[in-house]
Amino acid sequence: MHPLKNILNKVFWDKREDPDDYILSFIHRGASGDLKTIPLRKIREVGSSWFTYRDNSENETTIPFHRVTLVKNIRSGSVLWRKKGM
């Protein structure tokens, strides 16, 4: 299982975690710095190598894990995941 899937599942299913405390950044061509950051609360489904999220216009977008650069707890400042070389 992909380590990022384990991290996302822990945040969503562990009662001690609050998805509102986390953000996720991913490569998004055309965005400022080619990165987009979303609150984990916007994630709707986690697959074996991807996740889907719903943006403000209610469109669902699928993002493969290889584009994820960071998962961070904004309350504590701890980084749960950082892409190598980033």
PDB file of N, CA and C in Angstrom:
ATOM      1  N   MET A   1       0.848  -1.178   0.000  1.00  0.00           N
ATOM      2  CA  MET A   1       0.000   0.000   0.000  1.00  0.00           C
ATOM      3  C   MET A   1       0.895   1.243   0.000  1.00  0.00           C
ATOM      4  N   HIS A   2       0.499   2.227  -0.747  1.00  0.00           N
ATOM      5  CA  HIS A   2       1.254   3.477  -0.834  1.00  0.00           C
ATOM      6  C   HIS A   2       1.251   4.180   0.528  1.00  0.00           C
ATOM      7  N   PRO A   3       2.400   4.657   0.994  1.00  0.00           N
ATOM      8  CA  PRO A   3       2.457   5.317   2.304  1.00  0.00           C
ATOM      9  C   PRO A   3       1.510   6.523   2.411  1.00  0.00           C
ATOM     10  N   LEU A   4       1.307   7.232   1.319  1.00  0.00           N
ATOM     11  CA  LEU A   4       0.414   8.385   1.347  1.00  0.00           C
ATOM     12  C   LEU A   4      -1.032   7.958   1.590  1.00  0.00           C
ATOM     13  N   LYS A   5      -1.414   6.812   1.053  1.00  0.00           N
ATOM     14  CA  LYS A   5      -2.762   6.301   1.309  1.00  0.00           C
ATOM     15  C   LYS A   5      -2.925   5.999   2.798  1.00  0.00           C
ATOM     16  N   ASN A   6      -1.911   5.406   3.410  1.00  0.00           N
ATOM     17  CA  ASN A   6      -1.962   5.125   4.850  1.00  0.00           C
ATOM     18  C   ASN A   6      -2.135   6.410   5.660  1.00  0.00           C
ATOM     19  N   ILE A   7      -1.414   7.451   5.296  1.00  0.00           N
ATOM     20  CA  ILE A   7      -1.500   8.729   6.011  1.00  0.00           C
ATOM     21  C   ILE A   7      -2.895   9.323   5.876  1.00  0.00           C
ATOM     22  N   LEU A   8      -3.423   9.363   4.653  1.00  0.00           N
ATOM     23  CA  LEU A   8      -4.751   9.940   4.439  1.00  0.00           C
ATOM     24  C   LEU A   8      -5.824   9.139   5.168  1.00  0.00           C
ATOM     25  N   ASN A   9      -5.745   7.818   5.093  1.00  0.00           N
ATOM     26  CA  ASN A   9      -6.728   6.988   5.788  1.00  0.00           C
ATOM     27  C   ASN A   9      -6.668   7.205   7.300  1.00  0.00           C
ATOM     28  N   LYS A  10      -5.464   7.346   7.852  1.00  0.00           N
ATOM     29  CA  LYS A  10      -5.334   7.584   9.287  1.00  0.00           C
ATOM     30  C   LYS A  10      -6.013   8.899   9.671  1.00  0.00           C
ATOM     31  N   VAL A  11      -5.770   9.940   8.901  1.00  0.00           N
ATOM     32  CA  VAL A  11      -6.381  11.243   9.214  1.00  0.00           C
ATOM     33  C   VAL A  11      -7.897  11.160   9.147  1.00  0.00           C
ATOM     34  N   PHE A  12      -8.426  10.454   8.154  1.00  0.00           N
ATOM     35  CA  PHE A  12      -9.882  10.396   7.981  1.00  0.00           C
ATOM     36  C   PHE A  12     -10.575   9.425   8.935  1.00  0.00           C
ATOM     37  N   TRP A  13      -9.919   8.354   9.334  1.00  0.00           N
ATOM     38  CA  TRP A  13     -10.600   7.312  10.109  1.00  0.00           C
ATOM     39  C   TRP A  13     -10.223   7.262  11.577  1.00  0.00           C
ATOM     40  N   ASP A  14      -9.105   7.837  11.954  1.00  0.00           N
ATOM     41  CA  ASP A  14      -8.696   7.838  13.355  1.00  0.00           C
ATOM     42  C   ASP A  14      -9.466   8.948  14.082  1.00  0.00           C
ATOM     43  N   LYS A  15     -10.235   8.571  15.082  1.00  0.00           N
ATOM     44  CA  LYS A  15     -11.076   9.528  15.822  1.00  0.00           C
ATOM     45  C   LYS A  15     -10.253  10.610  16.520  1.00  0.00           C
ATOM     46  N   ARG A  16      -8.976  10.354  16.738  1.00  0.00           N
ATOM     47  CA  ARG A  16      -8.118  11.344  17.403  1.00  0.00           C
ATOM     48  C   ARG A  16      -7.655  12.435  16.437  1.00  0.00           C
ATOM     49  N   GLU A  17      -7.841  12.213  15.150  1.00  0.00           N
ATOM     50  CA  GLU A  17      -7.409  13.179  14.129  1.00  0.00           C
ATOM     51  C   GLU A  17      -8.592  14.012  13.653  1.00  0.00           C
ATOM     52  N   ASP A  18      -8.322  15.242  13.234  1.00  0.00           N
ATOM     53  CA  ASP A  18      -9.337  16.128  12.672  1.00  0.00           C
ATOM     54  C   ASP A  18      -8.862  16.569  11.292  1.00  0.00           C
ATOM     55  N   PRO A  19      -9.520  16.121  10.212  1.00  0.00           N
ATOM     56  CA  PRO A  19      -9.101  16.497   8.857  1.00  0.00           C
ATOM     57  C   PRO A  19      -9.018  18.012   8.646  1.00  0.00           C
ATOM     58  N   ASP A  20      -9.749  18.796   9.437  1.00  0.00           N
ATOM     59  CA  ASP A  20      -9.685  20.251   9.313  1.00  0.00           C
ATOM     60  C   ASP A  20      -8.325  20.815   9.722  1.00  0.00           C
ATOM     61  N   ASP A  21      -7.517  20.014  10.415  1.00  0.00           N
ATOM     62  CA  ASP A  21      -6.194  20.457  10.850  1.00  0.00           C
ATOM     63  C   ASP A  21      -5.127  20.262   9.773  1.00  0.00           C
ATOM     64  N   TYR A  22      -5.488  19.707   8.619  1.00  0.00           N
ATOM     65  CA  TYR A  22      -4.491  19.321   7.621  1.00  0.00           C
ATOM     66  C   TYR A  22      -4.708  19.996   6.269  1.00  0.00           C
ATOM     67  N   ILE A  23      -3.583  20.210   5.582  1.00  0.00           N
ATOM     68  CA  ILE A  23      -3.604  20.674   4.202  1.00  0.00           C
ATOM     69  C   ILE A  23      -2.786  19.700   3.359  1.00  0.00           C
ATOM     70  N   LEU A  24      -3.029  19.714   2.066  1.00  0.00           N
ATOM     71  CA  LEU A  24      -2.300  18.872   1.123  1.00  0.00           C
ATOM     72  C   LEU A  24      -1.944  19.744  -0.069  1.00  0.00           C
ATOM     73  N   SER A  25      -0.698  19.683  -0.505  1.00  0.00           N
ATOM     74  CA  SER A  25      -0.244  20.426  -1.686  1.00  0.00           C
ATOM     75  C   SER A  25       0.104  19.444  -2.780  1.00  0.00           C
ATOM     76  N   PHE A  26      -0.184  19.839  -4.024  1.00  0.00           N
ATOM     77  CA  PHE A  26       0.131  18.984  -5.160  1.00  0.00           C
ATOM     78  C   PHE A  26       0.498  19.828  -6.371  1.00  0.00           C
ATOM     79  N   ILE A  27       1.215  19.216  -7.303  1.00  0.00           N
ATOM     80  CA  ILE A  27       1.616  19.884  -8.535  1.00  0.00           C
ATOM     81  C   ILE A  27       0.369  20.141  -9.369  1.00  0.00           C
ATOM     82  N   HIS A  28       0.202  21.412  -9.761  1.00  0.00           N
ATOM     83  CA  HIS A  28      -0.967  21.827 -10.530  1.00  0.00           C
ATOM     84  C   HIS A  28      -0.506  22.896 -11.514  1.00  0.00           C
ATOM     85  N   ARG A  29      -0.237  22.477 -12.734  1.00  0.00           N
ATOM     86  CA  ARG A  29       0.267  23.402 -13.752  1.00  0.00           C
ATOM     87  C   ARG A  29      -0.702  24.563 -13.948  1.00  0.00           C
ATOM     88  N   GLY A  30      -0.152  25.763 -13.989  1.00  0.00           N
ATOM     89  CA  GLY A  30      -0.971  26.950 -14.179  1.00  0.00           C
ATOM     90  C   GLY A  30      -1.276  27.668 -12.879  1.00  0.00           C
ATOM     91  N   ALA A  31      -1.175  26.973 -11.762  1.00  0.00           N
ATOM     92  CA  ALA A  31      -1.378  27.614 -10.459  1.00  0.00           C
ATOM     93  C   ALA A  31      -0.107  28.386 -10.098  1.00  0.00           C
ATOM     94  N   SER A  32      -0.206  29.271  -9.162  1.00  0.00           N
ATOM     95  CA  SER A  32       0.950  30.033  -8.711  1.00  0.00           C
ATOM     96  C   SER A  32       2.038  29.079  -8.229  1.00  0.00           C
ATOM     97  N   GLY A  33       3.216  29.160  -8.840  1.00  0.00           N
ATOM     98  CA  GLY A  33       4.312  28.266  -8.473  1.00  0.00           C
ATOM     99  C   GLY A  33       4.079  26.825  -8.886  1.00  0.00           C
ATOM    100  N   ASP A  34       3.080  26.594  -9.733  1.00  0.00           N
ATOM    101  CA  ASP A  34       2.690  25.250 -10.188  1.00  0.00           C
ATOM    102  C   ASP A  34       2.297  24.324  -9.034  1.00  0.00           C
ATOM    103  N   LEU A  35       1.876  24.915  -7.916  1.00  0.00           N
ATOM    104  CA  LEU A  35       1.408  24.147  -6.769  1.00  0.00           C
ATOM    105  C   LEU A  35       0.025  24.634  -6.350  1.00  0.00           C
ATOM    106  N   LYS A  36      -0.804  23.700  -5.915  1.00  0.00           N
ATOM    107  CA  LYS A  36      -2.109  24.029  -5.366  1.00  0.00           C
ATOM    108  C   LYS A  36      -2.201  23.372  -3.999  1.00  0.00           C
ATOM    109  N   THR A  37      -2.768  24.083  -3.046  1.00  0.00           N
ATOM    110  CA  THR A  37      -2.933  23.573  -1.690  1.00  0.00           C
ATOM    111  C   THR A  37      -4.414  23.562  -1.349  1.00  0.00           C
ATOM    112  N   ILE A  38      -4.867  22.422  -0.814  1.00  0.00           N
ATOM    113  CA  ILE A  38      -6.278  22.282  -0.441  1.00  0.00           C
ATOM    114  C   ILE A  38      -6.374  21.768   0.993  1.00  0.00           C
ATOM    115  N   PRO A  39      -7.460  22.102   1.685  1.00  0.00           N
ATOM    116  CA  PRO A  39      -7.694  21.474   2.986  1.00  0.00           C
ATOM    117  C   PRO A  39      -8.060  20.006   2.779  1.00  0.00           C
ATOM    118  N   LEU A  40      -7.612  19.136   3.660  1.00  0.00           N
ATOM    119  CA  LEU A  40      -7.926  17.710   3.520  1.00  0.00           C
ATOM    120  C   LEU A  40      -9.428  17.460   3.530  1.00  0.00           C
ATOM    121  N   ARG A  41     -10.180  18.336   4.150  1.00  0.00           N
ATOM    122  CA  ARG A  41     -11.635  18.190   4.220  1.00  0.00           C
ATOM    123  C   ARG A  41     -12.268  18.107   2.818  1.00  0.00           C
ATOM    124  N   LYS A  42     -11.600  18.648   1.786  1.00  0.00           N
ATOM    125  CA  LYS A  42     -12.156  18.634   0.427  1.00  0.00           C
ATOM    126  C   LYS A  42     -12.006  17.278  -0.262  1.00  0.00           C
ATOM    127  N   ILE A  43     -11.179  16.390   0.306  1.00  0.00           N
ATOM    128  CA  ILE A  43     -10.979  15.074  -0.299  1.00  0.00           C
ATOM    129  C   ILE A  43     -12.230  14.233  -0.100  1.00  0.00           C
ATOM    130  N   ARG A  44     -12.694  13.627  -1.191  1.00  0.00           N
ATOM    131  CA  ARG A  44     -13.927  12.840  -1.167  1.00  0.00           C
ATOM    132  C   ARG A  44     -13.685  11.335  -1.195  1.00  0.00           C
ATOM    133  N   GLU A  45     -12.597  10.911  -1.852  1.00  0.00           N
ATOM    134  CA  GLU A  45     -12.321   9.478  -1.968  1.00  0.00           C
ATOM    135  C   GLU A  45     -10.819   9.276  -2.094  1.00  0.00           C
ATOM    136  N   VAL A  46     -10.316   8.189  -1.494  1.00  0.00           N
ATOM    137  CA  VAL A  46      -8.903   7.829  -1.580  1.00  0.00           C
ATOM    138  C   VAL A  46      -8.819   6.456  -2.214  1.00  0.00           C
ATOM    139  N   GLY A  47      -8.104   6.375  -3.340  1.00  0.00           N
ATOM    140  CA  GLY A  47      -7.916   5.101  -4.027  1.00  0.00           C
ATOM    141  C   GLY A  47      -6.535   4.542  -3.743  1.00  0.00           C
ATOM    142  N   SER A  48      -6.146   3.542  -4.506  1.00  0.00           N
ATOM    143  CA  SER A  48      -4.856   2.892  -4.262  1.00  0.00           C
ATOM    144  C   SER A  48      -3.669   3.773  -4.650  1.00  0.00           C
ATOM    145  N   SER A  49      -3.858   4.672  -5.623  1.00  0.00           N
ATOM    146  CA  SER A  49      -2.761   5.543  -6.048  1.00  0.00           C
ATOM    147  C   SER A  49      -3.254   6.937  -6.422  1.00  0.00           C
ATOM    148  N   TRP A  50      -4.407   7.330  -5.903  1.00  0.00           N
ATOM    149  CA  TRP A  50      -5.025   8.608  -6.259  1.00  0.00           C
ATOM    150  C   TRP A  50      -6.021   9.044  -5.182  1.00  0.00           C
ATOM    151  N   PHE A  51      -6.455  10.290  -5.297  1.00  0.00           N
ATOM    152  CA  PHE A  51      -7.569  10.768  -4.479  1.00  0.00           C
ATOM    153  C   PHE A  51      -8.410  11.711  -5.335  1.00  0.00           C
ATOM    154  N   THR A  52      -9.650  11.885  -4.949  1.00  0.00           N
ATOM    155  CA  THR A  52     -10.500  12.874  -5.607  1.00  0.00           C
ATOM    156  C   THR A  52     -10.850  13.942  -4.586  1.00  0.00           C
ATOM    157  N   TYR A  53     -10.975  15.164  -5.081  1.00  0.00           N
ATOM    158  CA  TYR A  53     -11.404  16.250  -4.214  1.00  0.00           C
ATOM    159  C   TYR A  53     -12.440  17.083  -4.950  1.00  0.00           C
ATOM    160  N   ARG A  54     -13.219  17.788  -4.183  1.00  0.00           N
ATOM    161  CA  ARG A  54     -14.247  18.657  -4.732  1.00  0.00           C
ATOM    162  C   ARG A  54     -13.827  20.098  -4.484  1.00  0.00           C
ATOM    163  N   ASP A  55     -13.746  20.876  -5.572  1.00  0.00           N
ATOM    164  CA  ASP A  55     -13.358  22.279  -5.419  1.00  0.00           C
ATOM    165  C   ASP A  55     -14.581  23.142  -5.124  1.00  0.00           C
ATOM    166  N   ASN A  56     -14.395  24.437  -5.076  1.00  0.00           N
ATOM    167  CA  ASN A  56     -15.477  25.350  -4.713  1.00  0.00           C
ATOM    168  C   ASN A  56     -16.645  25.338  -5.692  1.00  0.00           C
ATOM    169  N   SER A  57     -16.391  24.947  -6.935  1.00  0.00           N
ATOM    170  CA  SER A  57     -17.474  24.890  -7.921  1.00  0.00           C
ATOM    171  C   SER A  57     -18.166  23.530  -7.930  1.00  0.00           C
ATOM    172  N   GLU A  58     -17.823  22.688  -6.951  1.00  0.00           N
ATOM    173  CA  GLU A  58     -18.417  21.350  -6.802  1.00  0.00           C
ATOM    174  C   GLU A  58     -17.978  20.368  -7.885  1.00  0.00           C
ATOM    175  N   ASN A  59     -16.944  20.711  -8.664  1.00  0.00           N
ATOM    176  CA  ASN A  59     -16.382  19.765  -9.626  1.00  0.00           C
ATOM    177  C   ASN A  59     -15.442  18.816  -8.895  1.00  0.00           C
ATOM    178  N   GLU A  60     -15.498  17.528  -9.245  1.00  0.00           N
ATOM    179  CA  GLU A  60     -14.569  16.564  -8.661  1.00  0.00           C
ATOM    180  C   GLU A  60     -13.383  16.381  -9.578  1.00  0.00           C
ATOM    181  N   THR A  61     -12.194  16.362  -8.984  1.00  0.00           N
ATOM    182  CA  THR A  61     -10.953  16.209  -9.723  1.00  0.00           C
ATOM    183  C   THR A  61     -10.177  15.061  -9.115  1.00  0.00           C
ATOM    184  N   THR A  62      -9.567  14.237  -9.966  1.00  0.00           N
ATOM    185  CA  THR A  62      -8.738  13.122  -9.514  1.00  0.00           C
ATOM    186  C   THR A  62      -7.272  13.518  -9.623  1.00  0.00           C
ATOM    187  N   ILE A  63      -6.538  13.294  -8.545  1.00  0.00           N
ATOM    188  CA  ILE A  63      -5.114  13.623  -8.494  1.00  0.00           C
ATOM    189  C   ILE A  63      -4.339  12.348  -8.151  1.00  0.00           C
ATOM    190  N   PRO A  64      -3.363  11.963  -8.988  1.00  0.00           N
ATOM    191  CA  PRO A  64      -2.538  10.806  -8.642  1.00  0.00           C
ATOM    192  C   PRO A  64      -1.554  11.158  -7.525  1.00  0.00           C
ATOM    193  N   PHE A  65      -1.227  10.185  -6.702  1.00  0.00           N
ATOM    194  CA  PHE A  65      -0.338  10.410  -5.569  1.00  0.00           C
ATOM    195  C   PHE A  65       1.025  10.956  -5.998  1.00  0.00           C
ATOM    196  N   HIS A  66       1.517  10.610  -7.187  1.00  0.00           N
ATOM    197  CA  HIS A  66       2.851  11.070  -7.570  1.00  0.00           C
ATOM    198  C   HIS A  66       2.913  12.588  -7.737  1.00  0.00           C
ATOM    199  N   ARG A  67       1.773  13.270  -7.781  1.00  0.00           N
ATOM    200  CA  ARG A  67       1.757  14.733  -7.858  1.00  0.00           C
ATOM    201  C   ARG A  67       1.690  15.408  -6.492  1.00  0.00           C
ATOM    202  N   VAL A  68       1.461  14.646  -5.430  1.00  0.00           N
ATOM    203  CA  VAL A  68       1.385  15.217  -4.080  1.00  0.00           C
ATOM    204  C   VAL A  68       2.790  15.576  -3.613  1.00  0.00           C
ATOM    205  N   THR A  69       2.936  16.792  -3.084  1.00  0.00           N
ATOM    206  CA  THR A  69       4.238  17.251  -2.612  1.00  0.00           C
ATOM    207  C   THR A  69       4.313  17.380  -1.095  1.00  0.00           C
ATOM    208  N   LEU A  70       3.146  17.546  -0.420  1.00  0.00           N
ATOM    209  CA  LEU A  70       3.186  17.817   1.005  1.00  0.00           C
ATOM    210  C   LEU A  70       1.840  17.517   1.653  1.00  0.00           C
ATOM    211  N   VAL A  71       1.887  16.930   2.848  1.00  0.00           N
ATOM    212  CA  VAL A  71       0.727  16.832   3.740  1.00  0.00           C
ATOM    213  C   VAL A  71       1.206  17.374   5.078  1.00  0.00           C
ATOM    214  N   LYS A  72       0.493  18.385   5.578  1.00  0.00           N
ATOM    215  CA  LYS A  72       0.960  19.084   6.782  1.00  0.00           C
ATOM    216  C   LYS A  72      -0.181  19.335   7.757  1.00  0.00           C
ATOM    217  N   ASN A  73       0.131  19.199   9.034  1.00  0.00           N
ATOM    218  CA  ASN A  73      -0.799  19.557  10.094  1.00  0.00           C
ATOM    219  C   ASN A  73      -0.586  21.040  10.372  1.00  0.00           C
ATOM    220  N   ILE A  74      -1.587  21.865  10.045  1.00  0.00           N
ATOM    221  CA  ILE A  74      -1.419  23.308  10.205  1.00  0.00           C
ATOM    222  C   ILE A  74      -1.526  23.746  11.664  1.00  0.00           C
ATOM    223  N   ARG A  75      -2.133  22.930  12.482  1.00  0.00           N
ATOM    224  CA  ARG A  75      -2.249  23.277  13.907  1.00  0.00           C
ATOM    225  C   ARG A  75      -0.896  23.111  14.610  1.00  0.00           C
ATOM    226  N   SER A  76      -0.236  21.971  14.367  1.00  0.00           N
ATOM    227  CA  SER A  76       1.035  21.697  15.043  1.00  0.00           C
ATOM    228  C   SER A  76       2.246  22.116  14.207  1.00  0.00           C
ATOM    229  N   GLY A  77       2.051  22.278  12.897  1.00  0.00           N
ATOM    230  CA  GLY A  77       3.167  22.603  12.009  1.00  0.00           C
ATOM    231  C   GLY A  77       3.951  21.387  11.553  1.00  0.00           C
ATOM    232  N   SER A  78       3.546  20.184  11.977  1.00  0.00           N
ATOM    233  CA  SER A  78       4.306  18.981  11.605  1.00  0.00           C
ATOM    234  C   SER A  78       3.957  18.545  10.185  1.00  0.00           C
ATOM    235  N   VAL A  79       4.975  18.076   9.490  1.00  0.00           N
ATOM    236  CA  VAL A  79       4.825  17.572   8.128  1.00  0.00           C
ATOM    237  C   VAL A  79       4.692  16.062   8.186  1.00  0.00           C
ATOM    238  N   LEU A  80       3.577  15.523   7.656  1.00  0.00           N
ATOM    239  CA  LEU A  80       3.351  14.088   7.650  1.00  0.00           C
ATOM    240  C   LEU A  80       3.937  13.441   6.399  1.00  0.00           C
ATOM    241  N   TRP A  81       4.012  14.207   5.318  1.00  0.00           N
ATOM    242  CA  TRP A  81       4.505  13.682   4.048  1.00  0.00           C
ATOM    243  C   TRP A  81       5.151  14.810   3.279  1.00  0.00           C
ATOM    244  N   ARG A  82       6.308  14.551   2.708  1.00  0.00           N
ATOM    245  CA  ARG A  82       6.958  15.493   1.805  1.00  0.00           C
ATOM    246  C   ARG A  82       7.579  14.674   0.691  1.00  0.00           C
ATOM    247  N   LYS A  83       7.295  15.077  -0.526  1.00  0.00           N
ATOM    248  CA  LYS A  83       7.854  14.388  -1.690  1.00  0.00           C
ATOM    249  C   LYS A  83       9.374  14.562  -1.686  1.00  0.00           C
ATOM    250  N   LYS A  84      10.087  13.503  -1.973  1.00  0.00           N
ATOM    251  CA  LYS A  84      11.543  13.567  -2.022  1.00  0.00           C
ATOM    252  C   LYS A  84      11.973  14.617  -3.035  1.00  0.00           C
ATOM    253  N   GLY A  85      12.955  15.394  -2.656  1.00  0.00           N
ATOM    254  CA  GLY A  85      13.493  16.417  -3.544  1.00  0.00           C
ATOM    255  C   GLY A  85      12.717  17.719  -3.541  1.00  0.00           C
ATOM    256  N   MET A  86      11.688  17.817  -2.709  1.00  0.00           N
ATOM    257  CA  MET A  86      10.880  19.058  -2.667  1.00  0.00           C
ATOM    258  C   MET A  86      11.216  19.848  -1.426  1.00  0.00           C
TER     259      MET A  86
END
